[in-house]
Amino acid sequence: MHNIDGINISDINPDRVCLNCKHWQVSVQLKGSAEGVICRLSRQHTNPTDTCSQFMPNSTFDSLQDPNKYHDKSRKMNVFKRF
């Protein structure tokens, strides 16, 4: 199990939080730098520990290589901390 800023990352018992949700994505403009991490459903900036009824487990190509999806989540947390 990995821990990023006090948030546990585990595929055994995933929390229903934005960090673990497929809708919580890094937002990148066509021109310019990243705008941070937003919920693709609400188009709002949310916190990694927020929850909602439309939670969908995150599944990325990264998760096929790393069962804990550590790299994908670590990247989102790094972007989240910058914005």
N, C-alpha and C. Protein backbone atom coordinates (compact mmCIF):
# COMPACT_ATOMS: atom_id res chain seq x y z
N MET A 1 0.84 -1.19 0.00
CA MET A 1 0.00 0.00 0.00
C MET A 1 0.88 1.24 0.00
N HIS A 2 0.52 2.19 -0.82
CA HIS A 2 1.25 3.46 -0.87
C HIS A 2 0.44 4.54 -0.19
N ASN A 3 1.11 5.60 0.19
CA ASN A 3 0.44 6.71 0.85
C ASN A 3 0.93 8.00 0.21
N ILE A 4 -0.01 8.83 -0.28
CA ILE A 4 0.33 10.12 -0.87
C ILE A 4 -0.38 11.20 -0.07
N ASP A 5 0.38 12.01 0.61
CA ASP A 5 -0.18 13.11 1.42
C ASP A 5 -1.29 12.63 2.34
N GLY A 6 -1.09 11.50 2.97
CA GLY A 6 -2.06 11.02 3.95
C GLY A 6 -3.23 10.26 3.34
N ILE A 7 -3.24 10.08 2.02
CA ILE A 7 -4.32 9.35 1.37
C ILE A 7 -3.81 7.97 1.00
N ASN A 8 -4.43 6.94 1.54
CA ASN A 8 -4.01 5.58 1.26
C ASN A 8 -4.46 5.15 -0.12
N ILE A 9 -3.58 4.48 -0.83
CA ILE A 9 -3.88 3.96 -2.15
C ILE A 9 -3.81 2.44 -2.08
N SER A 10 -4.94 1.79 -2.28
CA SER A 10 -4.97 0.35 -2.20
C SER A 10 -6.05 -0.20 -3.11
N ASP A 11 -5.71 -1.18 -3.93
CA ASP A 11 -6.71 -1.82 -4.77
C ASP A 11 -7.52 -2.86 -4.01
N ILE A 12 -7.05 -3.25 -2.86
CA ILE A 12 -7.77 -4.24 -2.07
C ILE A 12 -9.06 -3.64 -1.53
N ASN A 13 -8.99 -2.42 -1.05
CA ASN A 13 -10.17 -1.75 -0.51
C ASN A 13 -10.16 -0.30 -0.97
N PRO A 14 -10.45 -0.01 -2.26
CA PRO A 14 -10.35 1.36 -2.76
C PRO A 14 -11.44 2.26 -2.17
N ASP A 15 -11.04 3.44 -1.74
CA ASP A 15 -12.00 4.41 -1.24
C ASP A 15 -12.76 5.01 -2.40
N ARG A 16 -14.01 5.37 -2.17
CA ARG A 16 -14.83 5.99 -3.22
C ARG A 16 -14.58 7.50 -3.22
N VAL A 17 -13.34 7.86 -3.48
CA VAL A 17 -12.95 9.27 -3.47
C VAL A 17 -12.51 9.68 -4.87
N CYS A 18 -12.46 10.98 -5.11
CA CYS A 18 -12.09 11.50 -6.42
C CYS A 18 -10.75 10.97 -6.91
N LEU A 19 -9.79 10.84 -6.00
CA LEU A 19 -8.47 10.35 -6.38
C LEU A 19 -8.55 8.99 -7.07
N ASN A 20 -9.51 8.17 -6.67
CA ASN A 20 -9.65 6.82 -7.22
C ASN A 20 -10.71 6.74 -8.31
N CYS A 21 -11.24 7.88 -8.74
CA CYS A 21 -12.35 7.91 -9.70
C CYS A 21 -11.85 8.24 -11.10
N LYS A 22 -12.42 7.56 -12.11
CA LYS A 22 -11.97 7.79 -13.49
C LYS A 22 -12.36 9.16 -14.01
N HIS A 23 -13.32 9.82 -13.37
CA HIS A 23 -13.75 11.15 -13.83
C HIS A 23 -12.83 12.26 -13.36
N TRP A 24 -11.97 11.96 -12.38
CA TRP A 24 -11.05 12.97 -11.84
C TRP A 24 -9.79 12.95 -12.68
N GLN A 25 -9.66 13.92 -13.60
CA GLN A 25 -8.59 13.89 -14.59
C GLN A 25 -7.80 15.20 -14.62
N VAL A 26 -6.55 15.07 -15.02
CA VAL A 26 -5.71 16.26 -15.21
C VAL A 26 -6.24 17.01 -16.43
N SER A 27 -6.49 18.31 -16.27
CA SER A 27 -7.03 19.13 -17.34
C SER A 27 -5.91 19.88 -18.03
N VAL A 28 -5.79 19.70 -19.34
CA VAL A 28 -4.73 20.36 -20.10
C VAL A 28 -5.35 21.17 -21.23
N GLN A 29 -4.98 22.43 -21.31
CA GLN A 29 -5.45 23.28 -22.40
C GLN A 29 -4.74 22.92 -23.70
N LEU A 30 -5.37 23.28 -24.83
CA LEU A 30 -4.71 23.05 -26.12
C LEU A 30 -3.44 23.88 -26.22
N LYS A 31 -3.49 25.09 -25.72
CA LYS A 31 -2.31 25.95 -25.69
C LYS A 31 -2.06 26.36 -24.24
N GLY A 32 -0.91 26.08 -23.76
CA GLY A 32 -0.60 26.47 -22.40
C GLY A 32 -0.39 25.28 -21.49
N SER A 33 -0.30 25.55 -20.22
CA SER A 33 0.00 24.51 -19.24
C SER A 33 -1.27 23.89 -18.67
N ALA A 34 -1.10 22.92 -17.82
CA ALA A 34 -2.24 22.25 -17.18
C ALA A 34 -3.01 23.23 -16.29
N GLU A 35 -4.31 23.04 -16.22
CA GLU A 35 -5.16 23.87 -15.37
C GLU A 35 -5.40 23.24 -14.01
N GLY A 36 -4.83 22.09 -13.78
CA GLY A 36 -5.07 21.39 -12.54
C GLY A 36 -5.87 20.12 -12.79
N VAL A 37 -6.50 19.62 -11.75
CA VAL A 37 -7.28 18.39 -11.86
C VAL A 37 -8.74 18.72 -11.64
N ILE A 38 -9.59 18.26 -12.54
CA ILE A 38 -11.02 18.54 -12.44
C ILE A 38 -11.84 17.26 -12.57
N CYS A 39 -13.09 17.33 -12.15
CA CYS A 39 -14.05 16.26 -12.39
C CYS A 39 -14.62 16.47 -13.79
N ARG A 40 -14.49 15.48 -14.64
CA ARG A 40 -14.98 15.60 -16.02
C ARG A 40 -16.51 15.68 -16.09
N LEU A 41 -17.20 15.21 -15.06
CA LEU A 41 -18.67 15.28 -15.07
C LEU A 41 -19.17 16.66 -14.69
N SER A 42 -18.65 17.21 -13.62
CA SER A 42 -19.12 18.51 -13.13
C SER A 42 -18.34 19.68 -13.73
N ARG A 43 -17.17 19.39 -14.34
CA ARG A 43 -16.27 20.42 -14.88
C ARG A 43 -15.77 21.34 -13.78
N GLN A 44 -15.73 20.84 -12.55
CA GLN A 44 -15.31 21.64 -11.40
C GLN A 44 -14.01 21.09 -10.83
N HIS A 45 -13.27 21.98 -10.22
CA HIS A 45 -12.09 21.56 -9.47
C HIS A 45 -12.56 20.95 -8.16
N THR A 46 -12.13 19.74 -7.89
CA THR A 46 -12.53 19.06 -6.66
C THR A 46 -11.29 18.59 -5.91
N ASN A 47 -11.48 18.24 -4.66
CA ASN A 47 -10.39 17.74 -3.84
C ASN A 47 -10.26 16.23 -4.00
N PRO A 48 -9.06 15.69 -3.82
CA PRO A 48 -8.87 14.24 -3.99
C PRO A 48 -9.68 13.40 -3.01
N THR A 49 -10.08 13.98 -1.89
CA THR A 49 -10.84 13.22 -0.90
C THR A 49 -12.35 13.42 -1.01
N ASP A 50 -12.80 14.22 -1.99
CA ASP A 50 -14.24 14.42 -2.19
C ASP A 50 -14.87 13.13 -2.70
N THR A 51 -16.16 12.98 -2.46
CA THR A 51 -16.90 11.82 -2.94
C THR A 51 -18.20 12.28 -3.58
N CYS A 52 -18.77 11.42 -4.43
CA CYS A 52 -20.10 11.69 -4.98
C CYS A 52 -20.74 10.38 -5.41
N SER A 53 -22.01 10.44 -5.77
CA SER A 53 -22.75 9.23 -6.11
C SER A 53 -22.39 8.69 -7.50
N GLN A 54 -21.64 9.44 -8.28
CA GLN A 54 -21.30 9.02 -9.63
C GLN A 54 -19.88 8.45 -9.73
N PHE A 55 -19.37 8.01 -8.59
CA PHE A 55 -18.02 7.42 -8.54
C PHE A 55 -17.91 6.23 -9.49
N MET A 56 -16.83 6.21 -10.26
CA MET A 56 -16.50 5.08 -11.12
C MET A 56 -15.02 4.75 -10.89
N PRO A 57 -14.68 3.51 -10.59
CA PRO A 57 -13.28 3.17 -10.32
C PRO A 57 -12.37 3.56 -11.48
N ASN A 58 -11.21 4.08 -11.16
CA ASN A 58 -10.25 4.48 -12.18
C ASN A 58 -9.59 3.24 -12.77
N SER A 59 -9.52 3.20 -14.09
CA SER A 59 -8.77 2.13 -14.75
C SER A 59 -7.98 2.76 -15.88
N THR A 60 -6.67 2.70 -15.77
CA THR A 60 -5.79 3.30 -16.76
C THR A 60 -4.80 2.25 -17.25
N PHE A 61 -4.11 2.57 -18.32
CA PHE A 61 -3.05 1.67 -18.78
C PHE A 61 -2.00 1.52 -17.69
N ASP A 62 -1.81 2.57 -16.92
CA ASP A 62 -0.84 2.51 -15.83
C ASP A 62 -1.23 1.41 -14.84
N SER A 63 -2.53 1.23 -14.63
CA SER A 63 -2.98 0.26 -13.64
C SER A 63 -2.67 -1.18 -14.08
N LEU A 64 -2.54 -1.39 -15.40
CA LEU A 64 -2.20 -2.72 -15.88
C LEU A 64 -0.76 -3.07 -15.54
N GLN A 65 0.08 -2.04 -15.40
CA GLN A 65 1.48 -2.25 -15.08
C GLN A 65 1.74 -2.13 -13.58
N ASP A 66 0.91 -1.41 -12.89
CA ASP A 66 1.09 -1.16 -11.47
C ASP A 66 -0.25 -1.35 -10.78
N PRO A 67 -0.46 -2.46 -10.07
CA PRO A 67 -1.77 -2.75 -9.45
C PRO A 67 -2.30 -1.64 -8.55
N ASN A 68 -1.42 -0.85 -7.96
CA ASN A 68 -1.87 0.22 -7.06
C ASN A 68 -2.10 1.53 -7.79
N LYS A 69 -1.89 1.58 -9.11
CA LYS A 69 -2.08 2.80 -9.90
C LYS A 69 -1.30 3.96 -9.29
N TYR A 70 -0.19 3.64 -8.69
CA TYR A 70 0.56 4.65 -7.94
C TYR A 70 1.02 5.81 -8.81
N HIS A 71 1.55 5.54 -9.99
CA HIS A 71 2.12 6.59 -10.82
C HIS A 71 1.05 7.56 -11.32
N ASP A 72 -0.09 7.03 -11.73
CA ASP A 72 -1.19 7.87 -12.21
C ASP A 72 -1.71 8.77 -11.10
N LYS A 73 -1.91 8.20 -9.92
CA LYS A 73 -2.43 8.97 -8.80
C LYS A 73 -1.40 9.97 -8.27
N SER A 74 -0.14 9.56 -8.28
CA SER A 74 0.91 10.46 -7.83
C SER A 74 0.98 11.68 -8.75
N ARG A 75 0.85 11.47 -10.05
CA ARG A 75 0.86 12.58 -11.01
C ARG A 75 -0.31 13.53 -10.74
N LYS A 76 -1.50 12.97 -10.53
CA LYS A 76 -2.67 13.81 -10.25
C LYS A 76 -2.46 14.62 -8.96
N MET A 77 -1.89 13.98 -7.94
CA MET A 77 -1.66 14.70 -6.68
C MET A 77 -0.64 15.81 -6.86
N ASN A 78 0.39 15.57 -7.66
CA ASN A 78 1.40 16.60 -7.91
C ASN A 78 0.79 17.79 -8.64
N VAL A 79 -0.06 17.52 -9.64
CA VAL A 79 -0.74 18.60 -10.36
C VAL A 79 -1.71 19.33 -9.42
N PHE A 80 -2.45 18.56 -8.61
CA PHE A 80 -3.41 19.15 -7.67
C PHE A 80 -2.70 20.10 -6.70
N LYS A 81 -1.54 19.73 -6.21
CA LYS A 81 -0.81 20.57 -5.24
C LYS A 81 -0.32 21.87 -5.88
N ARG A 82 -0.07 21.84 -7.21
CA ARG A 82 0.43 23.05 -7.88
C ARG A 82 -0.66 24.05 -8.19
N PHE A 83 -1.92 23.61 -8.26
CA PHE A 83 -3.00 24.52 -8.67
C PHE A 83 -4.07 24.69 -7.62
